[in-house]
């Protein structure tokens, strides 16, 4: 049926890269990394603003690194450089633009289905990030304004009236970044930005007090419409306002459909796994932020990769 890899890893983020490298260090050589985007760490590239701070102890979580990968605090750019170097220094096969459709258990391992074919592997690790599927609002986004509603800053320009929706770190960072060249509001359904880290709380306070960002707190959006080429936002109190552009930063979700199609059980919105991150399907593992309550810790993802690599090597002996 074709070449059988020892290990196939779905998703080339921190957990996926760590699983590959730790497995390589322990002696495994036939490893393939499958990434649907054009490069590794797509979440960091797409959803982190330039020069965003990246902490090892994400949101104050103190994590002692278990494996051979030494990760430290940095920025978006230094973190991407760090993972570039890891991939350059190891003999690993990275297949980009390769989206996995489903995983099927077979006698010798797994058949991993991709567009136009499949890949065979003895073991498979799923490290798809939550932000690969960003949360969207419950209300409809009319097709006529879809080009003005975004989930990253990629399409934002200058001298626009923009509303950022959300109250976490990403939403605050987006608003602070955009307000230097745009008229910016930030809409959040709660009364404070207490979910954000202290630095971002200080930043949003600074720009609000300077009049650069208008906070719309305790505010719910109920509907979007198109009006005169603008996005008309209707609020729960009956008021409305027109904007050139909306940017949503309301988190991401577990890719439940993909997990279910591969036979992986879920509980409370997360894939079920044991202490070795093995799912209910023997030989099929999960790692990274889809296993975490709120996701996002690079250090925890690195530790997941180390634990899985050690367990798989143990099974192979």
Protein backbone atom coordinates (compact mmCIF):
# COMPACT_ATOMS: atom_id res chain seq x y z
CA UNK A 1 0.00 0.00 0.00
CA UNK A 2 3.01 2.31 -0.01
CA UNK A 3 5.63 3.61 2.40
CA UNK A 4 4.86 3.21 6.12
CA UNK A 5 6.17 6.07 8.25
CA UNK A 6 6.96 5.32 11.87
CA UNK A 7 5.31 8.55 12.94
CA UNK A 8 2.99 11.06 11.26
CA UNK A 9 2.33 14.35 13.04
CA UNK A 10 -0.61 16.52 12.01
CA UNK A 11 0.12 20.17 12.65
CA UNK A 12 3.52 21.88 12.64
CA UNK A 13 3.09 24.07 15.68
CA UNK A 14 5.15 23.90 18.90
CA UNK A 15 3.69 20.56 20.06
CA UNK A 16 4.04 18.97 16.63
CA UNK A 17 7.60 20.13 16.12
CA UNK A 18 8.52 19.05 19.65
CA UNK A 19 7.05 15.58 19.12
CA UNK A 20 9.07 15.21 15.92
CA UNK A 21 12.35 16.46 17.38
CA UNK A 22 12.11 14.54 20.67
CA UNK A 23 11.28 11.37 18.72
CA UNK A 24 14.26 12.00 16.44
CA UNK A 25 16.56 12.54 19.43
CA UNK A 26 15.41 9.21 20.86
CA UNK A 27 16.35 7.39 17.67
CA UNK A 28 13.28 7.47 15.42
CA UNK A 29 14.08 8.53 11.86
CA UNK A 30 11.02 7.94 9.67
CA UNK A 31 8.94 10.95 10.70
CA UNK A 32 6.67 13.22 8.65
CA UNK A 33 5.11 16.53 9.71
CA UNK A 34 1.89 17.46 7.87
CA UNK A 35 0.91 21.14 7.86
CA UNK A 36 -2.08 22.57 6.00
CA UNK A 37 -0.63 26.09 5.78
CA UNK A 38 2.40 27.27 3.86
CA UNK A 39 4.76 27.20 6.83
CA UNK A 40 5.07 25.97 10.40
CA UNK A 41 3.41 27.75 13.35
CA UNK A 42 0.58 29.23 11.30
CA UNK A 43 -1.30 30.35 14.42
CA UNK A 44 1.62 32.48 15.58
CA UNK A 45 2.08 33.91 12.09
CA UNK A 46 -1.59 34.77 11.57
CA UNK A 47 -2.94 35.68 14.99
CA UNK A 48 0.05 37.25 16.77
CA UNK A 49 0.68 40.89 15.94
CA UNK A 50 4.22 41.92 15.04
CA UNK A 51 6.56 42.08 18.05
CA UNK A 52 3.97 40.44 20.30
CA UNK A 53 5.55 39.22 23.52
CA UNK A 54 5.67 35.43 23.84
CA UNK A 55 6.17 34.10 27.39
CA UNK A 56 7.32 30.64 28.40
CA UNK A 57 5.10 30.88 31.47
CA UNK A 58 1.96 31.75 29.51
CA UNK A 59 -0.68 33.55 31.62
CA UNK A 60 1.49 32.94 34.67
CA UNK A 61 1.54 29.14 34.28
CA UNK A 62 4.91 28.04 35.69
CA UNK A 63 6.10 25.20 33.46
CA UNK A 64 9.36 23.30 33.88
CA UNK A 65 10.50 22.01 30.50
CA UNK A 66 11.00 18.24 30.44
CA UNK A 67 12.66 17.64 27.10
CA UNK A 68 15.72 18.66 25.11
CA UNK A 69 14.19 21.83 23.65
CA UNK A 70 15.14 24.97 25.58
CA UNK A 71 12.47 27.62 25.04
CA UNK A 72 12.56 31.07 26.62
CA UNK A 73 10.60 34.32 26.59
CA UNK A 74 10.76 36.32 23.39
CA UNK A 75 8.68 37.91 20.66
CA UNK A 76 6.64 36.61 17.75
CA UNK A 77 9.66 37.01 15.48
CA UNK A 78 12.22 35.42 17.81
CA UNK A 79 9.87 32.50 18.48
CA UNK A 80 9.44 31.81 14.77
CA UNK A 81 13.22 32.06 14.32
CA UNK A 82 13.64 29.58 17.18
CA UNK A 83 11.42 26.99 15.51
CA UNK A 84 13.06 27.67 12.13
CA UNK A 85 16.39 26.71 13.67
CA UNK A 86 14.96 23.57 15.26
CA UNK A 87 13.63 22.38 11.91
CA UNK A 88 16.84 23.32 10.11
CA UNK A 89 19.01 21.39 12.56
CA UNK A 90 17.11 18.11 12.36
CA UNK A 91 16.48 15.72 9.48
CA UNK A 92 12.69 15.95 9.47
CA UNK A 93 10.25 15.83 6.57
CA UNK A 94 7.82 18.76 6.60
CA UNK A 95 4.96 18.63 4.07
CA UNK A 96 3.23 22.01 3.86
CA UNK A 97 -0.04 22.76 2.02
CA UNK A 98 -1.16 19.31 3.19
CA UNK A 99 -4.55 19.28 4.87
CA UNK A 100 -5.55 16.05 6.57
CA UNK A 101 -9.16 15.02 6.02
CA UNK A 102 -9.44 12.06 8.38
CA UNK A 103 -7.47 9.27 10.06
CA UNK A 104 -8.47 5.62 9.71
CA UNK A 105 -7.14 2.78 11.84
CA UNK A 106 -5.69 -0.09 9.79
CA UNK A 107 -3.93 -3.33 10.68
CA UNK A 108 -0.37 -1.96 10.68
CA UNK A 109 -1.21 1.49 12.03
CA UNK A 110 -3.14 4.28 10.34
CA UNK A 111 -4.06 5.60 6.94
CA UNK A 112 -4.01 9.40 6.99
CA UNK A 113 -6.17 10.78 4.19
CA UNK A 114 -5.06 13.98 2.45
CA UNK A 115 -6.22 15.69 -0.74
CA UNK A 116 -5.43 13.37 -3.64
CA UNK A 117 -4.20 10.41 -1.63
CA UNK A 118 -3.14 9.11 1.76
CA UNK A 119 -0.12 8.51 3.99
CA UNK A 120 0.52 5.39 6.08
CA UNK A 121 2.00 5.59 9.55
CA UNK A 122 2.42 3.29 12.53
CA UNK A 123 1.64 6.08 15.01
CA UNK A 124 -0.15 9.40 14.54
CA UNK A 125 -0.13 12.52 16.71
CA UNK A 126 -2.75 15.25 16.20
CA UNK A 127 -1.54 18.71 17.23
CA UNK A 128 -4.08 20.91 15.46
CA UNK A 129 -4.44 24.24 17.26
CA UNK A 130 -7.73 25.73 18.33
CA UNK A 131 -7.04 28.91 16.36
CA UNK A 132 -6.99 26.85 13.20
CA UNK A 133 -10.74 27.23 13.66
CA UNK A 134 -11.35 30.69 15.18
CA UNK A 135 -14.63 31.27 16.98
CA UNK A 136 -17.26 33.09 14.99
CA UNK A 137 -20.22 35.01 16.37
CA UNK A 138 -23.60 33.35 16.84
CA UNK A 139 -25.31 35.89 14.60
CA UNK A 140 -25.05 35.80 10.82
CA UNK A 141 -22.39 37.67 8.87
CA UNK A 142 -24.15 38.77 5.66
CA UNK A 143 -22.24 37.86 2.48
CA UNK A 144 -22.27 41.52 1.36
CA UNK A 145 -19.94 42.51 4.23
CA UNK A 146 -17.78 39.39 4.60
CA UNK A 147 -14.79 41.20 3.09
CA UNK A 148 -15.05 43.76 5.90
CA UNK A 149 -15.25 41.24 8.77
CA UNK A 150 -12.00 39.57 9.81
CA UNK A 151 -10.30 37.41 12.45
CA UNK A 152 -6.75 38.75 11.97
CA UNK A 153 -5.26 42.17 11.15
CA UNK A 154 -4.11 41.15 7.67
CA UNK A 155 -6.71 43.16 5.75
CA UNK A 156 -6.71 46.26 7.97
CA UNK A 157 -5.43 49.50 6.50
CA UNK A 158 -5.25 53.07 7.75
CA UNK A 159 -7.72 55.89 8.39
CA UNK A 160 -10.56 53.45 8.91
CA UNK A 161 -13.24 53.26 11.56
CA UNK A 162 -12.69 49.80 13.06
CA UNK A 163 -14.33 47.90 15.88
CA UNK A 164 -12.45 45.06 17.59
CA UNK A 165 -14.72 42.48 19.24
CA UNK A 166 -13.41 40.62 22.27
CA UNK A 167 -11.82 41.22 25.66
CA UNK A 168 -8.80 38.92 25.85
CA UNK A 169 -5.14 39.48 25.09
CA UNK A 170 -5.47 39.25 21.31
CA UNK A 171 -8.38 41.69 21.17
CA UNK A 172 -6.51 44.24 23.28
CA UNK A 173 -3.33 43.83 21.24
CA UNK A 174 -5.30 44.31 18.02
CA UNK A 175 -6.97 47.47 19.34
CA UNK A 176 -3.70 48.96 20.63
CA UNK A 177 -1.94 48.20 17.35
CA UNK A 178 -4.71 49.59 15.15
CA UNK A 179 -5.39 52.78 17.08
CA UNK A 180 -2.20 54.53 15.94
CA UNK A 181 -3.55 54.86 12.40
CA UNK A 182 -7.30 54.28 12.73
CA UNK A 183 -10.37 55.26 14.71
CA UNK A 184 -10.80 52.25 16.97
CA UNK A 185 -13.47 50.94 19.33
CA UNK A 186 -13.28 47.72 21.35
CA UNK A 187 -16.53 45.92 22.12
CA UNK A 188 -16.67 43.49 25.03
CA UNK A 189 -19.67 41.92 26.70
CA UNK A 190 -18.12 42.19 30.18
CA UNK A 191 -17.33 45.28 32.23
CA UNK A 192 -13.55 44.89 32.57
CA UNK A 193 -10.59 43.39 30.74
CA UNK A 194 -9.59 41.18 33.66
CA UNK A 195 -8.96 38.14 31.41
CA UNK A 196 -5.96 39.87 29.85
CA UNK A 197 -2.42 39.73 31.21
CA UNK A 198 -1.19 42.71 33.29
CA UNK A 199 0.83 44.25 30.45
CA UNK A 200 -2.14 44.28 28.10
CA UNK A 201 -4.42 45.61 30.85
CA UNK A 202 -1.99 48.51 31.31
CA UNK A 203 -1.79 49.07 27.53
CA UNK A 204 -5.55 49.23 27.02
CA UNK A 205 -5.93 51.56 30.00
CA UNK A 206 -3.28 53.85 28.52
CA UNK A 207 -4.85 54.13 25.04
CA UNK A 208 -8.36 54.49 26.44
CA UNK A 209 -7.27 57.31 28.76
CA UNK A 210 -5.46 58.94 25.84
CA UNK A 211 -8.67 58.84 23.79
CA UNK A 212 -7.15 56.57 21.15
CA UNK A 213 -9.51 53.64 21.77
CA UNK A 214 -13.18 53.89 22.71
CA UNK A 215 -14.29 51.08 25.03
CA UNK A 216 -17.77 49.63 24.56
CA UNK A 217 -18.01 47.52 27.72
CA UNK A 218 -21.04 45.54 28.91
CA UNK A 219 -22.09 45.67 25.27
CA UNK A 220 -23.63 42.86 23.23
CA UNK A 221 -23.91 42.74 19.45
CA UNK A 222 -27.10 41.13 18.18
CA UNK A 223 -26.92 41.60 14.41
CA UNK A 224 -24.81 42.83 11.51
CA UNK A 225 -26.16 44.47 8.38
CA UNK A 226 -24.79 46.22 5.31
CA UNK A 227 -25.55 49.91 4.86
CA UNK A 228 -23.99 52.27 2.31
CA UNK A 229 -20.86 50.14 1.99
CA UNK A 230 -20.36 50.02 5.75
CA UNK A 231 -20.89 47.38 8.42
CA UNK A 232 -23.95 48.32 10.46
CA UNK A 233 -23.65 46.92 13.99
CA UNK A 234 -26.87 46.56 15.97
CA UNK A 235 -26.52 46.35 19.76
CA UNK A 236 -28.76 44.70 22.34
CA UNK A 237 -29.90 48.07 23.73
CA UNK A 238 -31.41 49.02 20.37
CA UNK A 239 -28.58 51.34 19.32
CA UNK A 240 -26.55 50.88 16.12
CA UNK A 241 -23.37 52.24 14.57
CA UNK A 242 -21.57 52.09 11.22
CA UNK A 243 -17.97 50.87 10.85
CA UNK A 244 -15.60 50.38 7.93
CA UNK A 245 -14.34 47.10 9.35
CA UNK A 246 -14.80 44.61 12.21
CA UNK A 247 -12.08 42.39 13.68
CA UNK A 248 -13.14 39.47 15.89
CA UNK A 249 -10.77 38.09 18.52
CA UNK A 250 -13.01 35.73 20.49
CA UNK A 251 -10.85 32.63 20.70
CA UNK A 252 -10.92 29.31 18.90
CA UNK A 253 -12.59 25.93 19.13
CA UNK A 254 -11.58 22.29 19.12
CA UNK A 255 -11.93 20.80 15.60
CA UNK A 256 -14.65 18.40 16.77
CA UNK A 257 -15.76 17.25 13.33
CA UNK A 258 -12.27 16.14 12.38
CA UNK A 259 -11.70 14.38 15.71
CA UNK A 260 -15.02 12.55 15.49
CA UNK A 261 -14.38 11.42 11.91
CA UNK A 262 -11.11 9.90 13.14
CA UNK A 263 -12.80 8.06 16.01
CA UNK A 264 -11.45 10.27 18.80
CA UNK A 265 -13.87 10.72 21.67
CA UNK A 266 -14.43 14.13 23.30
CA UNK A 267 -15.49 15.21 26.75
CA UNK A 268 -16.23 18.80 27.85
CA UNK A 269 -15.04 20.11 24.49
CA UNK A 270 -11.64 18.40 24.59
CA UNK A 271 -10.36 15.10 23.16
CA UNK A 272 -10.21 12.28 25.70
CA UNK A 273 -6.69 11.01 26.38
CA UNK A 274 -4.69 9.19 29.04
CA UNK A 275 -1.57 10.35 30.91
CA UNK A 276 0.52 9.64 27.81
CA UNK A 277 -1.82 11.73 25.60
CA UNK A 278 -3.03 8.59 23.83
CA UNK A 279 -6.68 8.78 22.80
CA UNK A 280 -9.28 6.02 22.98
CA UNK A 281 -7.79 4.82 19.65
CA UNK A 282 -4.60 2.91 20.42
CA UNK A 283 -1.58 4.49 18.71
CA UNK A 284 -3.38 7.79 18.04
CA UNK A 285 -2.31 10.72 20.23
CA UNK A 286 -3.26 14.37 20.78
CA UNK A 287 -1.03 17.22 21.96
CA UNK A 288 -0.90 20.98 22.26
CA UNK A 289 -3.62 23.49 22.94
CA UNK A 290 -6.54 21.25 21.92
CA UNK A 291 -5.84 19.31 25.14
CA UNK A 292 -5.71 22.44 27.33
CA UNK A 293 -8.54 24.30 29.02
CA UNK A 294 -7.81 27.64 27.37
CA UNK A 295 -4.93 26.71 25.09
CA UNK A 296 -1.91 28.78 24.21
CA UNK A 297 0.98 27.49 26.35
CA UNK A 298 3.95 26.73 24.12
CA UNK A 299 5.88 25.21 27.03
CA UNK A 300 3.09 22.74 27.79
CA UNK A 301 2.96 21.78 24.12
CA UNK A 302 6.69 21.08 24.16
CA UNK A 303 6.25 18.86 27.22
CA UNK A 304 3.41 16.99 25.52
CA UNK A 305 5.71 16.22 22.61
CA UNK A 306 8.44 14.95 24.93
CA UNK A 307 6.01 12.69 26.82
CA UNK A 308 4.53 11.22 23.64
CA UNK A 309 7.94 10.61 22.07
CA UNK A 310 9.14 8.72 25.14
CA UNK A 311 5.99 6.63 25.28
CA UNK A 312 6.10 5.71 21.59
CA UNK A 313 9.79 4.80 21.78
CA UNK A 314 8.95 2.60 24.76
CA UNK A 315 6.25 0.82 22.74
CA UNK A 316 8.67 0.22 19.88
CA UNK A 317 11.24 -1.58 22.04
